[in-house]
């Protein structure tokens, strides 16, 4: 996504949250549906462009390290019983 590429993935909660409108989501574990979604993406240049732009925006505004660092570091601190 950081490279502005659209995504095809299985539809699980974390993937849906992470990718937002930058992904086509297949039914979990349904390889045929995954292939259909991939084929749909490959067949449609406008969709690839739109989703790729959405992917890059998603990274820039939400999921990049600078947006997530505090939350990640908090988890590690709790796990090891440390604070900075």
Protein backbone atom coordinates (compact mmCIF):
# COMPACT_ATOMS: atom_id res chain seq x y z
CA UNK A 1 0.00 0.00 0.00
CA UNK A 2 2.89 2.38 0.71
CA UNK A 3 3.86 2.04 -2.96
CA UNK A 4 0.36 2.99 -4.08
CA UNK A 5 -0.65 -0.54 -4.98
CA UNK A 6 -4.15 -1.94 -4.56
CA UNK A 7 -4.65 -5.09 -2.50
CA UNK A 8 -6.55 -8.33 -2.81
CA UNK A 9 -6.90 -10.12 0.52
CA UNK A 10 -9.17 -12.37 2.51
CA UNK A 11 -11.89 -10.51 4.38
CA UNK A 12 -10.86 -10.67 8.01
CA UNK A 13 -11.46 -7.88 10.53
CA UNK A 14 -7.89 -6.60 10.70
CA UNK A 15 -7.39 -6.66 6.94
CA UNK A 16 -10.67 -4.80 6.41
CA UNK A 17 -9.65 -2.20 9.00
CA UNK A 18 -6.14 -1.82 7.62
CA UNK A 19 -6.97 -1.62 3.92
CA UNK A 20 -10.29 0.27 3.97
CA UNK A 21 -11.11 1.17 0.36
CA UNK A 22 -7.72 0.10 -0.97
CA UNK A 23 -8.61 -3.60 -1.19
CA UNK A 24 -10.89 -6.07 -2.84
CA UNK A 25 -11.78 -8.59 -0.17
CA UNK A 26 -12.49 -12.25 -0.79
CA UNK A 27 -14.47 -14.54 1.46
CA UNK A 28 -12.10 -15.95 4.09
CA UNK A 29 -10.52 -19.18 2.90
CA UNK A 30 -12.31 -19.09 -0.47
CA UNK A 31 -9.45 -19.37 -2.94
CA UNK A 32 -11.80 -19.23 -5.93
CA UNK A 33 -13.23 -15.94 -4.68
CA UNK A 34 -9.71 -14.63 -4.11
CA UNK A 35 -8.90 -15.49 -7.73
CA UNK A 36 -12.10 -13.76 -8.90
CA UNK A 37 -11.20 -10.60 -6.99
CA UNK A 38 -7.67 -10.67 -8.39
CA UNK A 39 -9.02 -11.14 -11.90
CA UNK A 40 -11.44 -8.25 -11.35
CA UNK A 41 -8.57 -6.02 -10.27
CA UNK A 42 -6.31 -7.06 -13.13
CA UNK A 43 -9.07 -6.46 -15.69
CA UNK A 44 -9.87 -2.92 -14.59
CA UNK A 45 -7.17 -0.24 -14.90
CA UNK A 46 -9.40 2.48 -13.47
CA UNK A 47 -10.13 0.37 -10.38
CA UNK A 48 -6.41 -0.33 -9.92
CA UNK A 49 -5.62 3.38 -10.16
CA UNK A 50 -8.38 4.43 -7.76
CA UNK A 51 -7.55 1.74 -5.23
CA UNK A 52 -3.81 2.38 -5.54
CA UNK A 53 -4.36 6.05 -4.76
CA UNK A 54 -6.55 5.08 -1.82
CA UNK A 55 -3.84 2.71 -0.60
CA UNK A 56 -1.20 5.43 -0.61
CA UNK A 57 -3.53 7.89 1.15
CA UNK A 58 -4.33 5.25 3.77
CA UNK A 59 -0.66 4.82 4.57
CA UNK A 60 0.01 8.55 4.60
CA UNK A 61 -2.92 9.41 6.85
CA UNK A 62 -3.41 6.42 9.10
CA UNK A 63 -1.28 3.29 9.09
CA UNK A 64 2.30 4.54 8.66
CA UNK A 65 4.63 4.20 11.63
CA UNK A 66 4.41 7.88 12.57
CA UNK A 67 0.65 7.45 13.06
CA UNK A 68 0.91 4.15 14.92
CA UNK A 69 4.15 4.39 16.93
CA UNK A 70 2.59 5.44 20.21
CA UNK A 71 0.09 2.57 20.16
CA UNK A 72 2.73 -0.02 19.19
CA UNK A 73 5.21 1.16 21.79
CA UNK A 74 2.50 1.10 24.45
CA UNK A 75 1.78 -2.55 23.66
CA UNK A 76 5.47 -3.45 23.93
CA UNK A 77 5.85 -1.54 27.17
CA UNK A 78 2.89 -3.36 28.71
CA UNK A 79 4.22 -6.71 27.47
CA UNK A 80 7.64 -6.27 29.02
CA UNK A 81 6.44 -4.30 32.05
CA UNK A 82 8.47 -1.23 31.22
CA UNK A 83 7.78 2.42 30.63
CA UNK A 84 9.82 5.15 29.01
